[in-house]
């Protein structure tokens, strides 16, 4: 049974930068994110976090707005099934509306079946596949593993979009 709790979002700028950087290091290897749209230091991006009662980050989303589009650069929810990821996505939708954007996009890798399920259940659609994109990304971030979730080789990026009216 899923147990939801009230999720309080905090702007990433309200959280000590070293705490944000450590969160990215423990979950992504570093705060550097290399995807087909660019190279980003996630600790420098706009975003929102969810903290537990001890003040630890249990959910975090970062994004950029460019050309009337919002791109989610990273999204993590450490405690699944509590509405953390959904709350973060809902806040991104609010930001998109406030900024007169019409589109949210993101990329995930071909092995990330949980993310593909999560985003599609929230109205995102597959928009393109960027074959062998991760091979290129490894040239800039060699710590990206060769094998991902469920033993699937990490090779391709899958772009998902959600159009807001």
C-alpha atoms as a PDB file:
ATOM      1  CA  UNK A   1       0.000   0.000   0.000  1.00  0.00           C
ATOM      2  CA  UNK A   2       1.313   3.432  -0.957  1.00  0.00           C
ATOM      3  CA  UNK A   3       1.622   5.906   1.890  1.00  0.00           C
ATOM      4  CA  UNK A   4       1.558   9.552   0.940  1.00  0.00           C
ATOM      5  CA  UNK A   5       2.658  12.321   3.204  1.00  0.00           C
ATOM      6  CA  UNK A   6       2.595  16.095   2.924  1.00  0.00           C
ATOM      7  CA  UNK A   7       5.540  17.113   0.775  1.00  0.00           C
ATOM      8  CA  UNK A   8       7.130  20.475   1.481  1.00  0.00           C
ATOM      9  CA  UNK A   9       9.267  21.791  -1.337  1.00  0.00           C
ATOM     10  CA  UNK A  10      12.327  23.936  -0.722  1.00  0.00           C
ATOM     11  CA  UNK A  11      14.055  26.007  -3.411  1.00  0.00           C
ATOM     12  CA  UNK A  12      17.487  24.529  -3.984  1.00  0.00           C
ATOM     13  CA  UNK A  13      18.976  27.950  -3.188  1.00  0.00           C
ATOM     14  CA  UNK A  14      17.711  27.593   0.425  1.00  0.00           C
ATOM     15  CA  UNK A  15      19.781  24.441   0.992  1.00  0.00           C
ATOM     16  CA  UNK A  16      23.502  24.575   1.789  1.00  0.00           C
ATOM     17  CA  UNK A  17      25.403  24.076  -1.453  1.00  0.00           C
ATOM     18  CA  UNK A  18      27.695  21.422   0.049  1.00  0.00           C
ATOM     19  CA  UNK A  19      24.620  19.350   0.981  1.00  0.00           C
ATOM     20  CA  UNK A  20      23.319  19.591  -2.598  1.00  0.00           C
ATOM     21  CA  UNK A  21      26.722  18.709  -4.053  1.00  0.00           C
ATOM     22  CA  UNK A  22      27.061  15.690  -1.737  1.00  0.00           C
ATOM     23  CA  UNK A  23      23.593  14.511  -2.734  1.00  0.00           C
ATOM     24  CA  UNK A  24      24.585  14.553  -6.411  1.00  0.00           C
ATOM     25  CA  UNK A  25      27.904  12.853  -5.723  1.00  0.00           C
ATOM     26  CA  UNK A  26      26.201  10.016  -3.856  1.00  0.00           C
ATOM     27  CA  UNK A  27      23.519   9.471  -6.512  1.00  0.00           C
ATOM     28  CA  UNK A  28      25.185  10.473  -9.798  1.00  0.00           C
ATOM     29  CA  UNK A  29      28.942  10.261  -9.083  1.00  0.00           C
ATOM     30  CA  UNK A  30      29.275  14.060  -9.299  1.00  0.00           C
ATOM     31  CA  UNK A  31      27.115  17.135  -9.691  1.00  0.00           C
ATOM     32  CA  UNK A  32      28.068  17.204 -13.387  1.00  0.00           C
ATOM     33  CA  UNK A  33      25.331  15.973 -15.703  1.00  0.00           C
ATOM     34  CA  UNK A  34      26.268  15.237 -19.307  1.00  0.00           C
ATOM     35  CA  UNK A  35      23.322  14.827 -21.664  1.00  0.00           C
ATOM     36  CA  UNK A  36      22.743  15.511 -25.320  1.00  0.00           C
ATOM     37  CA  UNK A  37      21.527  19.068 -24.653  1.00  0.00           C
ATOM     38  CA  UNK A  38      24.687  20.058 -22.779  1.00  0.00           C
ATOM     39  CA  UNK A  39      26.909  19.712 -19.752  1.00  0.00           C
ATOM     40  CA  UNK A  40      25.457  21.016 -16.504  1.00  0.00           C
ATOM     41  CA  UNK A  41      26.585  21.435 -12.926  1.00  0.00           C
ATOM     42  CA  UNK A  42      23.340  20.478 -11.223  1.00  0.00           C
ATOM     43  CA  UNK A  43      24.389  22.198  -8.000  1.00  0.00           C
ATOM     44  CA  UNK A  44      24.291  25.487  -9.932  1.00  0.00           C
ATOM     45  CA  UNK A  45      20.850  25.013 -11.493  1.00  0.00           C
ATOM     46  CA  UNK A  46      17.422  26.124 -10.361  1.00  0.00           C
ATOM     47  CA  UNK A  47      15.475  23.433  -8.610  1.00  0.00           C
ATOM     48  CA  UNK A  48      13.524  22.191  -5.640  1.00  0.00           C
ATOM     49  CA  UNK A  49      14.204  19.681  -2.907  1.00  0.00           C
ATOM     50  CA  UNK A  50      12.240  17.662  -0.391  1.00  0.00           C
ATOM     51  CA  UNK A  51      13.854  17.134   3.006  1.00  0.00           C
ATOM     52  CA  UNK A  52      13.102  14.495   5.624  1.00  0.00           C
ATOM     53  CA  UNK A  53      12.651  15.306   9.320  1.00  0.00           C
ATOM     54  CA  UNK A  54      16.429  15.172   9.846  1.00  0.00           C
ATOM     55  CA  UNK A  55      17.012  17.723   7.074  1.00  0.00           C
ATOM     56  CA  UNK A  56      18.421  15.205   4.583  1.00  0.00           C
ATOM     57  CA  UNK A  57      17.496  15.544   0.919  1.00  0.00           C
ATOM     58  CA  UNK A  58      15.074  12.786  -0.113  1.00  0.00           C
ATOM     59  CA  UNK A  59      13.940  14.314  -3.398  1.00  0.00           C
ATOM     60  CA  UNK A  60      15.483  16.807  -5.786  1.00  0.00           C
ATOM     61  CA  UNK A  61      14.726  18.215  -9.220  1.00  0.00           C
ATOM     62  CA  UNK A  62      16.826  20.618 -11.286  1.00  0.00           C
ATOM     63  CA  UNK A  63      15.835  22.367 -14.481  1.00  0.00           C
ATOM     64  CA  UNK A  64      16.653  25.047 -17.008  1.00  0.00           C
ATOM     65  CA  UNK A  65      14.376  27.265 -19.060  1.00  0.00           C
ATOM     66  CA  UNK A  66      15.520  28.064 -22.581  1.00  0.00           C
ATOM     67  CA  UNK A  67      13.594  29.191 -25.659  1.00  0.00           C
ATOM     68  CA  UNK A  68      10.194  28.887 -23.921  1.00  0.00           C
ATOM     69  CA  UNK A  69      10.937  25.279 -22.991  1.00  0.00           C
ATOM     70  CA  UNK A  70      11.716  23.810 -19.607  1.00  0.00           C
ATOM     71  CA  UNK A  71      14.190  20.965 -19.514  1.00  0.00           C
ATOM     72  CA  UNK A  72      14.396  18.787 -16.427  1.00  0.00           C
ATOM     73  CA  UNK A  73      18.085  18.034 -15.971  1.00  0.00           C
ATOM     74  CA  UNK A  74      17.806  15.761 -12.956  1.00  0.00           C
ATOM     75  CA  UNK A  75      15.089  14.233 -10.797  1.00  0.00           C
ATOM     76  CA  UNK A  76      15.670  11.968  -7.818  1.00  0.00           C
ATOM     77  CA  UNK A  77      13.261  10.565  -5.282  1.00  0.00           C
ATOM     78  CA  UNK A  78      14.947   8.478  -2.622  1.00  0.00           C
ATOM     79  CA  UNK A  79      11.755   7.285  -0.952  1.00  0.00           C
ATOM     80  CA  UNK A  80       9.486   5.879  -3.635  1.00  0.00           C
ATOM     81  CA  UNK A  81       5.723   5.660  -3.388  1.00  0.00           C
ATOM     82  CA  UNK A  82       5.239   8.735  -1.204  1.00  0.00           C
ATOM     83  CA  UNK A  83       4.444  11.298  -3.898  1.00  0.00           C
ATOM     84  CA  UNK A  84       7.836  13.014  -3.755  1.00  0.00           C
ATOM     85  CA  UNK A  85       8.621  12.691  -7.464  1.00  0.00           C
ATOM     86  CA  UNK A  86       5.074  13.641  -8.430  1.00  0.00           C
ATOM     87  CA  UNK A  87       5.225  16.738  -6.203  1.00  0.00           C
ATOM     88  CA  UNK A  88       8.503  17.770  -7.832  1.00  0.00           C
ATOM     89  CA  UNK A  89       7.031  17.308 -11.322  1.00  0.00           C
ATOM     90  CA  UNK A  90       3.928  19.292 -10.327  1.00  0.00           C
ATOM     91  CA  UNK A  91       6.138  22.151  -9.140  1.00  0.00           C
ATOM     92  CA  UNK A  92       8.001  22.117 -12.449  1.00  0.00           C
ATOM     93  CA  UNK A  93       4.642  22.392 -14.220  1.00  0.00           C
ATOM     94  CA  UNK A  94       3.824  25.427 -12.053  1.00  0.00           C
ATOM     95  CA  UNK A  95       7.172  27.021 -12.999  1.00  0.00           C
ATOM     96  CA  UNK A  96       6.506  26.316 -16.680  1.00  0.00           C
ATOM     97  CA  UNK A  97       3.119  28.033 -16.506  1.00  0.00           C
ATOM     98  CA  UNK A  98       4.552  31.051 -14.612  1.00  0.00           C
ATOM     99  CA  UNK A  99       7.247  31.421 -17.287  1.00  0.00           C
ATOM    100  CA  UNK A 100       4.812  31.139 -20.215  1.00  0.00           C
ATOM    101  CA  UNK A 101       6.464  27.975 -21.440  1.00  0.00           C
ATOM    102  CA  UNK A 102       4.431  25.329 -23.210  1.00  0.00           C
ATOM    103  CA  UNK A 103       6.764  22.344 -23.125  1.00  0.00           C
ATOM    104  CA  UNK A 104       8.655  20.289 -20.566  1.00  0.00           C
ATOM    105  CA  UNK A 105      11.312  17.935 -21.838  1.00  0.00           C
ATOM    106  CA  UNK A 106      13.853  15.605 -20.314  1.00  0.00           C
ATOM    107  CA  UNK A 107      16.118  12.743 -21.230  1.00  0.00           C
ATOM    108  CA  UNK A 108      16.682   9.446 -19.518  1.00  0.00           C
ATOM    109  CA  UNK A 109      18.725   6.451 -20.524  1.00  0.00           C
ATOM    110  CA  UNK A 110      17.479   3.292 -22.183  1.00  0.00           C
ATOM    111  CA  UNK A 111      18.005   1.219 -19.017  1.00  0.00           C
ATOM    112  CA  UNK A 112      15.871   3.429 -16.789  1.00  0.00           C
ATOM    113  CA  UNK A 113      12.581   1.585 -17.072  1.00  0.00           C
ATOM    114  CA  UNK A 114      11.310   2.995 -13.763  1.00  0.00           C
ATOM    115  CA  UNK A 115      11.757   6.554 -15.046  1.00  0.00           C
ATOM    116  CA  UNK A 116      10.088   5.729 -18.363  1.00  0.00           C
ATOM    117  CA  UNK A 117       7.096   4.347 -16.480  1.00  0.00           C
ATOM    118  CA  UNK A 118       7.018   7.247 -14.012  1.00  0.00           C
ATOM    119  CA  UNK A 119       7.066   9.985 -16.655  1.00  0.00           C
ATOM    120  CA  UNK A 120       4.598   8.338 -19.024  1.00  0.00           C
ATOM    121  CA  UNK A 121       2.104   7.889 -16.192  1.00  0.00           C
ATOM    122  CA  UNK A 122       2.334  11.664 -15.698  1.00  0.00           C
ATOM    123  CA  UNK A 123       1.555  12.597 -19.281  1.00  0.00           C
ATOM    124  CA  UNK A 124       4.998  12.612 -20.894  1.00  0.00           C
ATOM    125  CA  UNK A 125       5.397  11.036 -24.318  1.00  0.00           C
ATOM    126  CA  UNK A 126       8.437   9.568 -26.032  1.00  0.00           C
ATOM    127  CA  UNK A 127       9.700  12.093 -28.537  1.00  0.00           C
ATOM    128  CA  UNK A 128      13.037  10.786 -29.823  1.00  0.00           C
ATOM    129  CA  UNK A 129      15.826   8.316 -29.259  1.00  0.00           C
ATOM    130  CA  UNK A 130      19.408   9.512 -29.426  1.00  0.00           C
ATOM    131  CA  UNK A 131      21.373   6.399 -30.298  1.00  0.00           C
ATOM    132  CA  UNK A 132      24.765   5.935 -28.602  1.00  0.00           C
ATOM    133  CA  UNK A 133      24.472   9.299 -26.817  1.00  0.00           C
ATOM    134  CA  UNK A 134      25.844   7.842 -23.594  1.00  0.00           C
ATOM    135  CA  UNK A 135      29.048   6.738 -25.331  1.00  0.00           C
ATOM    136  CA  UNK A 136      29.629  10.404 -26.190  1.00  0.00           C
ATOM    137  CA  UNK A 137      28.721  11.481 -22.651  1.00  0.00           C
ATOM    138  CA  UNK A 138      31.290   9.061 -21.177  1.00  0.00           C
ATOM    139  CA  UNK A 139      34.039  11.002 -22.969  1.00  0.00           C
ATOM    140  CA  UNK A 140      33.227  13.924 -20.645  1.00  0.00           C
ATOM    141  CA  UNK A 141      32.070  11.914 -17.615  1.00  0.00           C
ATOM    142  CA  UNK A 142      33.849   8.546 -17.620  1.00  0.00           C
ATOM    143  CA  UNK A 143      32.210   7.455 -14.349  1.00  0.00           C
ATOM    144  CA  UNK A 144      28.939   6.760 -16.195  1.00  0.00           C
ATOM    145  CA  UNK A 145      28.603   2.978 -15.838  1.00  0.00           C
ATOM    146  CA  UNK A 146      28.470   0.644 -18.830  1.00  0.00           C
ATOM    147  CA  UNK A 147      25.697  -1.484 -17.325  1.00  0.00           C
ATOM    148  CA  UNK A 148      22.616  -0.006 -15.701  1.00  0.00           C
ATOM    149  CA  UNK A 149      19.362  -1.116 -14.152  1.00  0.00           C
ATOM    150  CA  UNK A 150      18.413  -4.773 -14.588  1.00  0.00           C
ATOM    151  CA  UNK A 151      21.747  -5.524 -16.276  1.00  0.00           C
ATOM    152  CA  UNK A 152      20.839  -3.436 -19.344  1.00  0.00           C
ATOM    153  CA  UNK A 153      23.786  -1.843 -21.172  1.00  0.00           C
ATOM    154  CA  UNK A 154      23.487   1.960 -20.984  1.00  0.00           C
ATOM    155  CA  UNK A 155      23.765   3.269 -24.547  1.00  0.00           C
ATOM    156  CA  UNK A 156      20.975   5.551 -25.663  1.00  0.00           C
ATOM    157  CA  UNK A 157      19.117   8.592 -24.435  1.00  0.00           C
ATOM    158  CA  UNK A 158      15.344   8.740 -24.688  1.00  0.00           C
ATOM    159  CA  UNK A 159      13.788  12.191 -24.824  1.00  0.00           C
ATOM    160  CA  UNK A 160      10.329  12.616 -23.341  1.00  0.00           C
ATOM    161  CA  UNK A 161       8.136  15.690 -23.630  1.00  0.00           C
ATOM    162  CA  UNK A 162       4.949  17.012 -22.109  1.00  0.00           C
ATOM    163  CA  UNK A 163       3.042  19.792 -23.806  1.00  0.00           C
ATOM    164  CA  UNK A 164       1.085  22.046 -21.476  1.00  0.00           C
ATOM    165  CA  UNK A 165      -1.830  23.993 -22.877  1.00  0.00           C
END
